[in-house]
C-alpha atoms as a PDB file:
ATOM      1  CA  MET A   1     -15.884  20.895 -26.067  1.00  0.00           C
ATOM      2  CA  ALA A   2     -12.433  20.655 -24.614  1.00  0.00           C
ATOM      3  CA  HIS A   3     -10.503  17.469 -25.183  1.00  0.00           C
ATOM      4  CA  PRO A   4      -8.607  16.018 -22.200  1.00  0.00           C
ATOM      5  CA  THR A   5      -4.851  16.207 -22.407  1.00  0.00           C
ATOM      6  CA  THR A   6      -3.309  12.830 -23.157  1.00  0.00           C
ATOM      7  CA  THR A   7       0.169  11.996 -21.889  1.00  0.00           C
ATOM      8  CA  LEU A   8       2.038   9.474 -23.972  1.00  0.00           C
ATOM      9  CA  ALA A   9       4.581   7.376 -22.083  1.00  0.00           C
ATOM     10  CA  ALA A  10       7.473   5.626 -23.773  1.00  0.00           C
ATOM     11  CA  PRO A  11       7.095   1.840 -23.883  1.00  0.00           C
ATOM     12  CA  ALA A  12       9.075  -0.111 -21.302  1.00  0.00           C
ATOM     13  CA  GLY A  13      11.041  -1.834 -24.046  1.00  0.00           C
ATOM     14  CA  ALA A  14      12.080   1.515 -25.498  1.00  0.00           C
ATOM     15  CA  LYS A  15      13.290   2.673 -22.075  1.00  0.00           C
ATOM     16  CA  THR A  16      15.314  -0.495 -21.621  1.00  0.00           C
ATOM     17  CA  HIS A  17      16.851  -0.039 -25.056  1.00  0.00           C
ATOM     18  CA  LEU A  18      17.778   3.569 -24.267  1.00  0.00           C
ATOM     19  CA  HIS A  19      19.366   2.549 -20.960  1.00  0.00           C
ATOM     20  CA  ALA A  20      21.347  -0.192 -22.715  1.00  0.00           C
ATOM     21  CA  GLN A  21      22.610   2.302 -25.291  1.00  0.00           C
ATOM     22  CA  ALA A  22      23.656   4.736 -22.545  1.00  0.00           C
ATOM     23  CA  ASP A  23      25.476   1.967 -20.660  1.00  0.00           C
ATOM     24  CA  THR A  24      27.315   0.877 -23.814  1.00  0.00           C
ATOM     25  CA  SER A  25      28.347   4.466 -24.517  1.00  0.00           C
ATOM     26  CA  TYR A  26      29.725   4.711 -20.992  1.00  0.00           C
ATOM     27  CA  GLN A  27      31.810   1.582 -21.576  1.00  0.00           C
ATOM     28  CA  ARG A  28      33.055   2.995 -24.862  1.00  0.00           C
ATOM     29  CA  TYR A  29      34.356   6.083 -23.063  1.00  0.00           C
ATOM     30  CA  ALA A  30      36.193   3.790 -20.650  1.00  0.00           C
ATOM     31  CA  LEU A  31      37.624   1.841 -23.596  1.00  0.00           C
ATOM     32  CA  VAL A  32      38.903   5.017 -25.239  1.00  0.00           C
ATOM     33  CA  LEU A  33      40.480   6.083 -21.948  1.00  0.00           C
ATOM     34  CA  MET A  34      42.183   2.705 -21.545  1.00  0.00           C
ATOM     35  CA  ALA A  35      43.450   2.773 -25.138  1.00  0.00           C
ATOM     36  CA  ALA A  36      44.832   6.294 -24.681  1.00  0.00           C
ATOM     37  CA  ALA A  37      46.600   5.206 -21.496  1.00  0.00           C
ATOM     38  CA  PHE A  38      48.369   2.277 -23.163  1.00  0.00           C
ATOM     39  CA  VAL A  39      49.334   4.439 -26.143  1.00  0.00           C
ATOM     40  CA  LEU A  40      50.780   7.288 -24.056  1.00  0.00           C
ATOM     41  CA  LEU A  41      52.269   5.427 -21.094  1.00  0.00           C
ATOM     42  CA  PRO A  42      55.347   4.132 -23.027  1.00  0.00           C
ATOM     43  CA  LEU A  43      56.530   7.762 -23.042  1.00  0.00           C
ATOM     44  CA  ALA A  44      56.946   7.597 -19.262  1.00  0.00           C
ATOM     45  CA  VAL A  45      56.947   3.897 -18.299  1.00  0.00           C
ATOM     46  CA  TYR A  46      59.233   1.034 -19.312  1.00  0.00           C
ATOM     47  CA  PRO A  47      57.526  -0.683 -22.305  1.00  0.00           C
ATOM     48  CA  VAL A  48      58.407  -4.235 -21.170  1.00  0.00           C
ATOM     49  CA  PHE A  49      56.571  -3.608 -17.898  1.00  0.00           C
ATOM     50  CA  LEU A  50      53.495  -2.420 -19.815  1.00  0.00           C
ATOM     51  CA  MET A  51      53.656  -5.453 -22.084  1.00  0.00           C
ATOM     52  CA  LYS A  52      53.662  -7.703 -19.022  1.00  0.00           C
ATOM     53  CA  VAL A  53      50.622  -5.841 -17.675  1.00  0.00           C
ATOM     54  CA  MET A  54      48.744  -6.314 -20.960  1.00  0.00           C
ATOM     55  CA  CYS A  55      49.569 -10.034 -21.130  1.00  0.00           C
ATOM     56  CA  PHE A  56      48.280 -10.638 -17.623  1.00  0.00           C
ATOM     57  CA  ALA A  57      45.333  -8.303 -18.193  1.00  0.00           C
ATOM     58  CA  LEU A  58      44.238 -10.459 -21.131  1.00  0.00           C
ATOM     59  CA  PHE A  59      44.747 -13.564 -19.002  1.00  0.00           C
ATOM     60  CA  ALA A  60      42.598 -12.072 -16.230  1.00  0.00           C
ATOM     61  CA  CYS A  61      39.905 -10.974 -18.707  1.00  0.00           C
ATOM     62  CA  ALA A  62      39.777 -14.508 -20.119  1.00  0.00           C
ATOM     63  CA  PHE A  63      39.449 -15.942 -16.620  1.00  0.00           C
ATOM     64  CA  ASN A  64      36.750 -13.384 -15.787  1.00  0.00           C
ATOM     65  CA  LEU A  65      34.763 -14.493 -18.837  1.00  0.00           C
ATOM     66  CA  LEU A  66      34.456 -17.896 -17.208  1.00  0.00           C
ATOM     67  CA  ILE A  67      33.851 -16.971 -13.565  1.00  0.00           C
ATOM     68  CA  GLY A  68      32.408 -13.460 -13.824  1.00  0.00           C
ATOM     69  CA  PHE A  69      29.897 -14.168 -16.581  1.00  0.00           C
ATOM     70  CA  GLY A  70      29.607 -17.964 -16.449  1.00  0.00           C
ATOM     71  CA  GLY A  71      29.837 -18.496 -12.705  1.00  0.00           C
ATOM     72  CA  LEU A  72      32.517 -21.208 -13.043  1.00  0.00           C
ATOM     73  CA  LEU A  73      35.505 -20.944 -10.700  1.00  0.00           C
ATOM     74  CA  SER A  74      38.612 -22.572 -12.166  1.00  0.00           C
ATOM     75  CA  PHE A  75      41.676 -23.199  -9.996  1.00  0.00           C
ATOM     76  CA  GLY A  76      43.665 -24.517 -12.958  1.00  0.00           C
ATOM     77  CA  HIS A  77      43.775 -21.734 -15.528  1.00  0.00           C
ATOM     78  CA  ALA A  78      47.561 -21.588 -15.356  1.00  0.00           C
ATOM     79  CA  MET A  79      47.696 -24.757 -17.461  1.00  0.00           C
ATOM     80  CA  PHE A  80      46.397 -22.804 -20.464  1.00  0.00           C
ATOM     81  CA  LEU A  81      48.787 -19.902 -19.952  1.00  0.00           C
ATOM     82  CA  GLY A  82      51.761 -22.242 -19.566  1.00  0.00           C
ATOM     83  CA  THR A  83      50.789 -24.651 -22.346  1.00  0.00           C
ATOM     84  CA  ALA A  84      50.583 -21.893 -24.943  1.00  0.00           C
ATOM     85  CA  GLY A  85      53.852 -20.446 -23.680  1.00  0.00           C
ATOM     86  CA  TYR A  86      55.695 -23.745 -24.071  1.00  0.00           C
ATOM     87  CA  ALA A  87      54.087 -24.531 -27.426  1.00  0.00           C
ATOM     88  CA  SER A  88      54.815 -21.141 -28.999  1.00  0.00           C
ATOM     89  CA  ALA A  89      58.344 -21.016 -27.570  1.00  0.00           C
ATOM     90  CA  HIS A  90      59.152 -24.504 -28.885  1.00  0.00           C
ATOM     91  CA  ALA A  91      57.607 -23.734 -32.275  1.00  0.00           C
ATOM     92  CA  ALA A  92      59.594 -20.513 -32.641  1.00  0.00           C
ATOM     93  CA  LYS A  93      62.936 -21.787 -31.343  1.00  0.00           C
ATOM     94  CA  VAL A  94      63.064 -25.418 -32.507  1.00  0.00           C
ATOM     95  CA  TRP A  95      60.781 -25.462 -35.531  1.00  0.00           C
ATOM     96  CA  GLY A  96      61.673 -21.958 -36.689  1.00  0.00           C
ATOM     97  CA  LEU A  97      58.090 -20.781 -37.128  1.00  0.00           C
ATOM     98  CA  THR A  98      57.443 -17.092 -37.659  1.00  0.00           C
ATOM     99  CA  PRO A  99      56.044 -15.221 -34.611  1.00  0.00           C
ATOM    100  CA  GLU A 100      52.489 -15.025 -35.940  1.00  0.00           C
ATOM    101  CA  LEU A 101      52.429 -18.783 -36.608  1.00  0.00           C
ATOM    102  CA  ALA A 102      53.978 -19.491 -33.213  1.00  0.00           C
ATOM    103  CA  LEU A 103      51.224 -17.434 -31.560  1.00  0.00           C
ATOM    104  CA  VAL A 104      48.532 -19.281 -33.500  1.00  0.00           C
ATOM    105  CA  PHE A 105      50.072 -22.664 -32.685  1.00  0.00           C
ATOM    106  CA  GLY A 106      50.371 -21.909 -28.964  1.00  0.00           C
ATOM    107  CA  THR A 107      46.822 -20.551 -28.800  1.00  0.00           C
ATOM    108  CA  GLY A 108      45.513 -23.594 -30.673  1.00  0.00           C
ATOM    109  CA  CYS A 109      47.219 -25.958 -28.230  1.00  0.00           C
ATOM    110  CA  SER A 110      45.513 -24.237 -25.302  1.00  0.00           C
ATOM    111  CA  ALA A 111      42.172 -24.355 -27.106  1.00  0.00           C
ATOM    112  CA  LEU A 112      42.606 -28.120 -27.633  1.00  0.00           C
ATOM    113  CA  LEU A 113      43.574 -28.587 -23.989  1.00  0.00           C
ATOM    114  CA  GLY A 114      40.536 -26.537 -22.982  1.00  0.00           C
ATOM    115  CA  TRP A 115      38.274 -28.781 -25.036  1.00  0.00           C
ATOM    116  CA  VAL A 116      39.706 -31.992 -23.534  1.00  0.00           C
ATOM    117  CA  THR A 117      39.731 -30.805 -19.917  1.00  0.00           C
ATOM    118  CA  GLY A 118      36.374 -29.083 -20.365  1.00  0.00           C
ATOM    119  CA  LEU A 119      34.695 -32.333 -21.328  1.00  0.00           C
ATOM    120  CA  LEU A 120      35.909 -33.805 -18.045  1.00  0.00           C
ATOM    121  CA  ALA A 121      35.315 -30.838 -15.735  1.00  0.00           C
ATOM    122  CA  ILE A 122      32.154 -29.207 -17.027  1.00  0.00           C
ATOM    123  CA  ARG A 123      29.913 -32.020 -15.770  1.00  0.00           C
ATOM    124  CA  ARG A 124      30.490 -30.869 -12.185  1.00  0.00           C
ATOM    125  CA  GLN A 125      29.551 -27.625 -10.453  1.00  0.00           C
ATOM    126  CA  GLY A 126      30.787 -25.431  -7.639  1.00  0.00           C
ATOM    127  CA  ILE A 127      33.710 -26.629  -5.562  1.00  0.00           C
ATOM    128  CA  TYR A 128      33.800 -29.955  -7.427  1.00  0.00           C
ATOM    129  CA  PHE A 129      34.436 -28.146 -10.706  1.00  0.00           C
ATOM    130  CA  ALA A 130      37.164 -26.032  -9.063  1.00  0.00           C
ATOM    131  CA  MET A 131      38.899 -29.089  -7.590  1.00  0.00           C
ATOM    132  CA  ILE A 132      38.786 -31.006 -10.881  1.00  0.00           C
ATOM    133  CA  THR A 133      40.409 -28.097 -12.731  1.00  0.00           C
ATOM    134  CA  LEU A 134      43.076 -27.871 -10.024  1.00  0.00           C
ATOM    135  CA  ALA A 135      43.803 -31.607 -10.294  1.00  0.00           C
ATOM    136  CA  LEU A 136      44.022 -31.426 -14.084  1.00  0.00           C
ATOM    137  CA  ALA A 137      46.348 -28.421 -13.876  1.00  0.00           C
ATOM    138  CA  GLN A 138      48.653 -30.280 -11.479  1.00  0.00           C
ATOM    139  CA  MET A 139      48.788 -33.214 -13.886  1.00  0.00           C
ATOM    140  CA  VAL A 140      49.774 -30.828 -16.678  1.00  0.00           C
ATOM    141  CA  TYR A 141      52.403 -29.205 -14.441  1.00  0.00           C
ATOM    142  CA  PHE A 142      54.095 -32.529 -13.616  1.00  0.00           C
ATOM    143  CA  PHE A 143      53.976 -33.516 -17.287  1.00  0.00           C
ATOM    144  CA  TYR A 144      55.863 -30.350 -18.255  1.00  0.00           C
ATOM    145  CA  LEU A 145      58.271 -30.882 -15.379  1.00  0.00           C
ATOM    146  CA  GLN A 146      59.259 -34.334 -16.697  1.00  0.00           C
ATOM    147  CA  THR A 147      58.967 -34.058 -20.480  1.00  0.00           C
ATOM    148  CA  PRO A 148      62.288 -33.309 -22.274  1.00  0.00           C
ATOM    149  CA  PHE A 149      61.178 -30.541 -24.652  1.00  0.00           C
ATOM    150  CA  THR A 150      60.394 -28.125 -21.783  1.00  0.00           C
ATOM    151  CA  HIS A 151      63.910 -28.513 -20.277  1.00  0.00           C
ATOM    152  CA  GLY A 152      62.440 -28.964 -16.809  1.00  0.00           C
ATOM    153  CA  GLU A 153      63.164 -26.202 -14.323  1.00  0.00           C
ATOM    154  CA  ASP A 154      65.380 -24.365 -16.826  1.00  0.00           C
ATOM    155  CA  GLY A 155      62.500 -23.751 -19.209  1.00  0.00           C
ATOM    156  CA  ILE A 156      62.818 -22.814 -22.868  1.00  0.00           C
ATOM    157  CA  GLN A 157      65.171 -19.843 -22.971  1.00  0.00           C
ATOM    158  CA  GLY A 158      66.318 -17.552 -25.752  1.00  0.00           C
ATOM    159  CA  VAL A 159      63.082 -17.738 -27.716  1.00  0.00           C
ATOM    160  CA  PRO A 160      63.570 -15.736 -30.940  1.00  0.00           C
ATOM    161  CA  ARG A 161      61.035 -13.013 -31.590  1.00  0.00           C
ATOM    162  CA  GLY A 162      61.684 -13.031 -35.324  1.00  0.00           C
ATOM    163  CA  LYS A 163      59.996 -10.836 -37.898  1.00  0.00           C
ATOM    164  CA  LEU A 164      56.251 -10.436 -37.979  1.00  0.00           C
ATOM    165  CA  PHE A 165      54.973 -11.502 -41.429  1.00  0.00           C
ATOM    166  CA  GLY A 166      58.626 -11.453 -42.482  1.00  0.00           C
ATOM    167  CA  VAL A 167      58.703  -7.644 -42.381  1.00  0.00           C
ATOM    168  CA  VAL A 168      58.410  -6.168 -38.882  1.00  0.00           C
ATOM    169  CA  ASP A 169      61.409  -6.883 -36.654  1.00  0.00           C
ATOM    170  CA  LEU A 170      59.998  -7.672 -33.213  1.00  0.00           C
ATOM    171  CA  ASN A 171      63.394  -7.207 -31.597  1.00  0.00           C
ATOM    172  CA  GLU A 172      62.602  -3.501 -31.790  1.00  0.00           C
ATOM    173  CA  PRO A 173      60.847  -2.625 -28.490  1.00  0.00           C
ATOM    174  CA  LEU A 174      58.174  -0.416 -30.077  1.00  0.00           C
ATOM    175  CA  ALA A 175      57.352  -3.046 -32.703  1.00  0.00           C
ATOM    176  CA  MET A 176      56.932  -5.692 -30.022  1.00  0.00           C
ATOM    177  CA  TYR A 177      54.855  -3.271 -27.958  1.00  0.00           C
ATOM    178  CA  GLY A 178      52.607  -2.624 -30.939  1.00  0.00           C
ATOM    179  CA  LEU A 179      52.021  -6.351 -31.438  1.00  0.00           C
ATOM    180  CA  VAL A 180      51.148  -6.847 -27.767  1.00  0.00           C
ATOM    181  CA  CYS A 181      48.719  -3.905 -27.952  1.00  0.00           C
ATOM    182  CA  VAL A 182      46.999  -5.414 -30.992  1.00  0.00           C
ATOM    183  CA  VAL A 183      46.755  -8.830 -29.304  1.00  0.00           C
ATOM    184  CA  PHE A 184      45.449  -7.387 -26.045  1.00  0.00           C
ATOM    185  CA  PHE A 185      42.849  -5.087 -27.573  1.00  0.00           C
ATOM    186  CA  GLY A 186      41.799  -7.760 -30.057  1.00  0.00           C
ATOM    187  CA  GLY A 187      41.210 -10.215 -27.213  1.00  0.00           C
ATOM    188  CA  PHE A 188      39.496  -7.596 -25.057  1.00  0.00           C
ATOM    189  CA  LEU A 189      37.121  -6.565 -27.850  1.00  0.00           C
ATOM    190  CA  LEU A 190      36.314 -10.214 -28.546  1.00  0.00           C
ATOM    191  CA  ILE A 191      35.363 -10.677 -24.885  1.00  0.00           C
ATOM    192  CA  TRP A 192      33.303  -7.473 -25.072  1.00  0.00           C
ATOM    193  CA  ARG A 193      31.438  -8.843 -28.078  1.00  0.00           C
ATOM    194  CA  ILE A 194      30.874 -12.214 -26.419  1.00  0.00           C
ATOM    195  CA  VAL A 195      29.482 -10.612 -23.257  1.00  0.00           C
ATOM    196  CA  HIS A 196      27.049  -8.406 -25.193  1.00  0.00           C
ATOM    197  CA  SER A 197      25.955 -11.158 -27.591  1.00  0.00           C
ATOM    198  CA  PRO A 198      22.920 -13.457 -27.131  1.00  0.00           C
ATOM    199  CA  PHE A 199      25.410 -16.149 -26.095  1.00  0.00           C
ATOM    200  CA  GLY A 200      26.689 -13.876 -23.328  1.00  0.00           C
ATOM    201  CA  GLN A 201      23.169 -13.161 -22.115  1.00  0.00           C
ATOM    202  CA  VAL A 202      22.415 -16.886 -21.877  1.00  0.00           C
ATOM    203  CA  LEU A 203      25.714 -17.359 -20.038  1.00  0.00           C
ATOM    204  CA  LYS A 204      24.664 -14.742 -17.471  1.00  0.00           C
ATOM    205  CA  ALA A 205      21.300 -16.457 -17.099  1.00  0.00           C
ATOM    206  CA  ILE A 206      23.080 -19.747 -16.367  1.00  0.00           C
ATOM    207  CA  ARG A 207      25.241 -17.994 -13.788  1.00  0.00           C
ATOM    208  CA  GLU A 208      22.217 -16.526 -12.034  1.00  0.00           C
ATOM    209  CA  ASN A 209      19.892 -19.542 -12.161  1.00  0.00           C
ATOM    210  CA  GLU A 210      20.988 -22.635 -14.064  1.00  0.00           C
ATOM    211  CA  PRO A 211      17.874 -24.757 -13.359  1.00  0.00           C
ATOM    212  CA  ARG A 212      15.671 -22.008 -14.761  1.00  0.00           C
ATOM    213  CA  ALA A 213      17.862 -21.673 -17.864  1.00  0.00           C
ATOM    214  CA  THR A 214      17.563 -25.442 -18.332  1.00  0.00           C
ATOM    215  CA  SER A 215      13.788 -25.229 -17.982  1.00  0.00           C
ATOM    216  CA  LEU A 216      13.742 -22.640 -20.775  1.00  0.00           C
ATOM    217  CA  GLY A 217      15.278 -25.194 -23.121  1.00  0.00           C
ATOM    218  CA  TYR A 218      18.958 -24.177 -23.091  1.00  0.00           C
ATOM    219  CA  ASP A 219      21.626 -26.864 -23.113  1.00  0.00           C
ATOM    220  CA  THR A 220      23.568 -25.379 -20.192  1.00  0.00           C
ATOM    221  CA  ASP A 221      26.437 -27.875 -20.356  1.00  0.00           C
ATOM    222  CA  ARG A 222      27.086 -26.944 -23.985  1.00  0.00           C
ATOM    223  CA  TYR A 223      27.091 -23.216 -23.191  1.00  0.00           C
ATOM    224  CA  LYS A 224      29.450 -23.711 -20.264  1.00  0.00           C
ATOM    225  CA  LEU A 225      31.776 -25.877 -22.353  1.00  0.00           C
ATOM    226  CA  VAL A 226      31.970 -23.237 -25.100  1.00  0.00           C
ATOM    227  CA  ALA A 227      32.660 -20.532 -22.485  1.00  0.00           C
ATOM    228  CA  TYR A 228      35.364 -22.732 -20.954  1.00  0.00           C
ATOM    229  CA  ILE A 229      37.038 -23.310 -24.324  1.00  0.00           C
ATOM    230  CA  LEU A 230      36.874 -19.598 -25.204  1.00  0.00           C
ATOM    231  CA  SER A 231      38.430 -18.721 -21.851  1.00  0.00           C
ATOM    232  CA  ALA A 232      41.162 -21.327 -22.347  1.00  0.00           C
ATOM    233  CA  THR A 233      41.883 -20.051 -25.867  1.00  0.00           C
ATOM    234  CA  LEU A 234      42.236 -16.420 -24.807  1.00  0.00           C
ATOM    235  CA  SER A 235      44.351 -17.447 -21.816  1.00  0.00           C
ATOM    236  CA  GLY A 236      46.568 -19.315 -24.256  1.00  0.00           C
ATOM    237  CA  LEU A 237      46.855 -16.245 -26.456  1.00  0.00           C
ATOM    238  CA  ALA A 238      48.082 -14.316 -23.420  1.00  0.00           C
ATOM    239  CA  GLY A 239      50.604 -17.035 -22.589  1.00  0.00           C
ATOM    240  CA  ALA A 240      51.946 -17.301 -26.133  1.00  0.00           C
ATOM    241  CA  THR A 241      52.374 -13.528 -26.328  1.00  0.00           C
ATOM    242  CA  LYS A 242      54.129 -13.455 -22.953  1.00  0.00           C
ATOM    243  CA  ALA A 243      56.601 -16.123 -24.109  1.00  0.00           C
ATOM    244  CA  LEU A 244      57.577 -13.959 -27.084  1.00  0.00           C
ATOM    245  CA  VAL A 245      57.827 -10.791 -24.987  1.00  0.00           C
ATOM    246  CA  PHE A 246      60.194 -12.293 -22.403  1.00  0.00           C
ATOM    247  CA  GLN A 247      61.699 -14.859 -24.796  1.00  0.00           C
ATOM    248  CA  LEU A 248      61.127 -17.471 -22.118  1.00  0.00           C
ATOM    249  CA  ALA A 249      58.682 -20.246 -21.230  1.00  0.00           C
ATOM    250  CA  SER A 250      59.021 -21.614 -17.704  1.00  0.00           C
ATOM    251  CA  LEU A 251      57.272 -23.721 -15.087  1.00  0.00           C
ATOM    252  CA  THR A 252      56.218 -20.571 -13.251  1.00  0.00           C
ATOM    253  CA  ASP A 253      53.454 -19.962 -15.780  1.00  0.00           C
ATOM    254  CA  VAL A 254      51.935 -23.403 -15.307  1.00  0.00           C
ATOM    255  CA  TYR A 255      52.315 -23.682 -11.523  1.00  0.00           C
ATOM    256  CA  TRP A 256      49.223 -23.554  -9.271  1.00  0.00           C
ATOM    257  CA  THR A 257      50.255 -20.202  -7.766  1.00  0.00           C
ATOM    258  CA  MET A 258      49.689 -18.587 -11.181  1.00  0.00           C
ATOM    259  CA  SER A 259      46.089 -19.786 -11.061  1.00  0.00           C
ATOM    260  CA  GLY A 260      45.814 -18.138  -7.661  1.00  0.00           C
ATOM    261  CA  GLU A 261      47.253 -14.880  -8.968  1.00  0.00           C
ATOM    262  CA  VAL A 262      44.699 -14.579 -11.750  1.00  0.00           C
ATOM    263  CA  VAL A 263      41.915 -15.121  -9.207  1.00  0.00           C
ATOM    264  CA  LEU A 264      43.424 -12.326  -7.111  1.00  0.00           C
ATOM    265  CA  MET A 265      43.694  -9.993 -10.113  1.00  0.00           C
ATOM    266  CA  THR A 266      40.060 -10.555 -11.044  1.00  0.00           C
ATOM    267  CA  LEU A 267      38.707 -10.079  -7.523  1.00  0.00           C
ATOM    268  CA  VAL A 268      40.800  -6.983  -6.801  1.00  0.00           C
ATOM    269  CA  GLY A 269      39.752  -5.341 -10.069  1.00  0.00           C
ATOM    270  CA  GLY A 270      36.116  -6.339  -9.995  1.00  0.00           C
ATOM    271  CA  LEU A 271      34.509  -9.713 -10.664  1.00  0.00           C
ATOM    272  CA  GLY A 272      31.986  -9.678 -13.492  1.00  0.00           C
ATOM    273  CA  THR A 273      33.095  -6.312 -14.879  1.00  0.00           C
ATOM    274  CA  LEU A 274      34.746  -5.786 -18.252  1.00  0.00           C
ATOM    275  CA  PHE A 275      37.507  -3.437 -17.112  1.00  0.00           C
ATOM    276  CA  GLY A 276      38.027  -4.816 -13.608  1.00  0.00           C
ATOM    277  CA  PRO A 277      40.505  -7.576 -14.553  1.00  0.00           C
ATOM    278  CA  VAL A 278      42.639  -5.032 -16.449  1.00  0.00           C
ATOM    279  CA  VAL A 279      42.851  -2.772 -13.389  1.00  0.00           C
ATOM    280  CA  GLY A 280      43.431  -5.746 -11.100  1.00  0.00           C
ATOM    281  CA  ALA A 281      46.262  -7.053 -13.292  1.00  0.00           C
ATOM    282  CA  ALA A 282      47.858  -3.595 -13.383  1.00  0.00           C
ATOM    283  CA  VAL A 283      47.705  -3.334  -9.575  1.00  0.00           C
ATOM    284  CA  ILE A 284      49.153  -6.793  -8.884  1.00  0.00           C
ATOM    285  CA  ILE A 285      51.911  -6.570 -11.530  1.00  0.00           C
ATOM    286  CA  THR A 286      52.876  -3.083 -10.316  1.00  0.00           C
ATOM    287  CA  MET A 287      53.171  -4.405  -6.784  1.00  0.00           C
ATOM    288  CA  GLN A 288      55.305  -7.335  -7.890  1.00  0.00           C
ATOM    289  CA  ASN A 289      57.537  -5.055  -9.934  1.00  0.00           C
ATOM    290  CA  TYR A 290      58.087  -2.203  -7.513  1.00  0.00           C
ATOM    291  CA  LEU A 291      58.057  -4.233  -4.302  1.00  0.00           C
ATOM    292  CA  ALA A 292      60.401  -6.937  -5.590  1.00  0.00           C
ATOM    293  CA  GLN A 293      63.182  -5.728  -3.285  1.00  0.00           C
ATOM    294  CA  ILE A 294      61.268  -6.905  -0.194  1.00  0.00           C
ATOM    295  CA  GLY A 295      61.385 -10.495  -1.461  1.00  0.00           C
ATOM    296  CA  ALA A 296      58.865 -12.967  -0.079  1.00  0.00           C
ATOM    297  CA  TRP A 297      57.032 -10.164   1.715  1.00  0.00           C
ATOM    298  CA  VAL A 298      55.389  -9.296  -1.600  1.00  0.00           C
ATOM    299  CA  THR A 299      52.990 -12.206  -1.169  1.00  0.00           C
ATOM    300  CA  ILE A 300      52.119 -11.002   2.342  1.00  0.00           C
ATOM    301  CA  VAL A 301      51.379  -7.525   1.005  1.00  0.00           C
ATOM    302  CA  GLN A 302      49.240  -9.049  -1.745  1.00  0.00           C
ATOM    303  CA  GLY A 303      47.360 -11.081   0.838  1.00  0.00           C
ATOM    304  CA  ALA A 304      46.746  -7.987   2.965  1.00  0.00           C
ATOM    305  CA  ILE A 305      45.400  -6.075  -0.038  1.00  0.00           C
ATOM    306  CA  PHE A 306      43.178  -9.013  -0.940  1.00  0.00           C
ATOM    307  CA  VAL A 307      41.741  -9.126   2.598  1.00  0.00           C
ATOM    308  CA  LEU A 308      41.207  -5.349   2.496  1.00  0.00           C
ATOM    309  CA  CYS A 309      39.360  -5.600  -0.824  1.00  0.00           C
ATOM    310  CA  VAL A 310      37.169  -8.429   0.449  1.00  0.00           C
ATOM    311  CA  LEU A 311      36.272  -6.502   3.605  1.00  0.00           C
ATOM    312  CA  ALA A 312      35.999  -2.939   2.283  1.00  0.00           C
ATOM    313  CA  PHE A 313      35.660  -3.221  -1.518  1.00  0.00           C
ATOM    314  CA  ARG A 314      33.710  -6.412  -2.047  1.00  0.00           C
ATOM    315  CA  ARG A 315      32.888  -5.455  -5.623  1.00  0.00           C
ATOM    316  CA  GLY A 316      36.545  -4.761  -6.457  1.00  0.00           C
ATOM    317  CA  ILE A 317      38.038  -1.445  -7.560  1.00  0.00           C
ATOM    318  CA  VAL A 318      36.110  -1.069 -10.807  1.00  0.00           C
ATOM    319  CA  GLY A 319      33.041  -2.705  -9.303  1.00  0.00           C
ATOM    320  CA  GLU A 320      32.867  -0.088  -6.546  1.00  0.00           C
ATOM    321  CA  ILE A 321      33.369   2.751  -9.038  1.00  0.00           C
ATOM    322  CA  ALA A 322      30.623   1.335 -11.264  1.00  0.00           C
ATOM    323  CA  HIS A 323      28.320   1.026  -8.232  1.00  0.00           C
ATOM    324  CA  LEU A 324      28.894   4.671  -7.297  1.00  0.00           C
ATOM    325  CA  LEU A 325      28.284   5.817 -10.875  1.00  0.00           C
ATOM    326  CA  ARG A 326      25.370   3.394 -11.294  1.00  0.00           C
ATOM    327  CA  LYS A 327      26.903   2.350 -14.621  1.00  0.00           C
ATOM    328  CA  PRO A 328      28.258  -1.077 -15.657  1.00  0.00           C
ATOM    329  CA  LEU A 329      31.985  -1.161 -16.374  1.00  0.00           C
END
């Protein structure tokens, strides 16, 4: 008697797991490509320009963690970038701290500011949250404009880079470039881990449907506050590193237009993608650098590109590429 042929299908959970592994592998290839680019580009491109790109890329990635994965639009993220810049510059120049301690101090100040402002802002949603963060950032801006240690519109100039751990002289361009690479990739990998962790999955659930996440028993305000503080901390790390790179901390980094620029970087690159903010930061900083000779017209060009992206590439550069490849980036 012949037995009927039985076809065994893989369980749905196994298929999901396999798809997740394939998607992660795809992102790892993109990470290797990005790392290779930043390692090889100094052979052909001015290292200081690349360091600026990495600082703003980390800033944009930190901002994207909040809006792209948490659904919280902040119009005041410049206060974290500028606060860390001022704190690390003051610590290095006036207190004589070593560069690694200055970075930690500046980042810690932004984390503390994120905790304080987060407690005030996180209770509101949507446009109300955005307006509260903008108001808080303007308060911080006027404080730095008036307080003596920032030197007003002159900023803190001549910030010493010093020696990393008392050994590595950061006045050497390649040494400074190496430090910025370590900071950027360390921050990027931390964001990667956060996004792929259970915390990141809950954060995405809150972004998609907060009432449902609340009904499942999650304390959504606590998750959003932690995401806000993490974003503020990583933004501060970018600001502290930038102050050491350019040996300057100024009002530009805490002004409201800087908050607008990081929004532009994130949207141009791809909101809610891991690599989008890096590409967006590279595009905007390249434009500012190579179109500087046209003066104020740079902002008009940026606005035109933003309108073009909104109309033709609504997912951003990386978002559109990921959509075509059907793979998350």
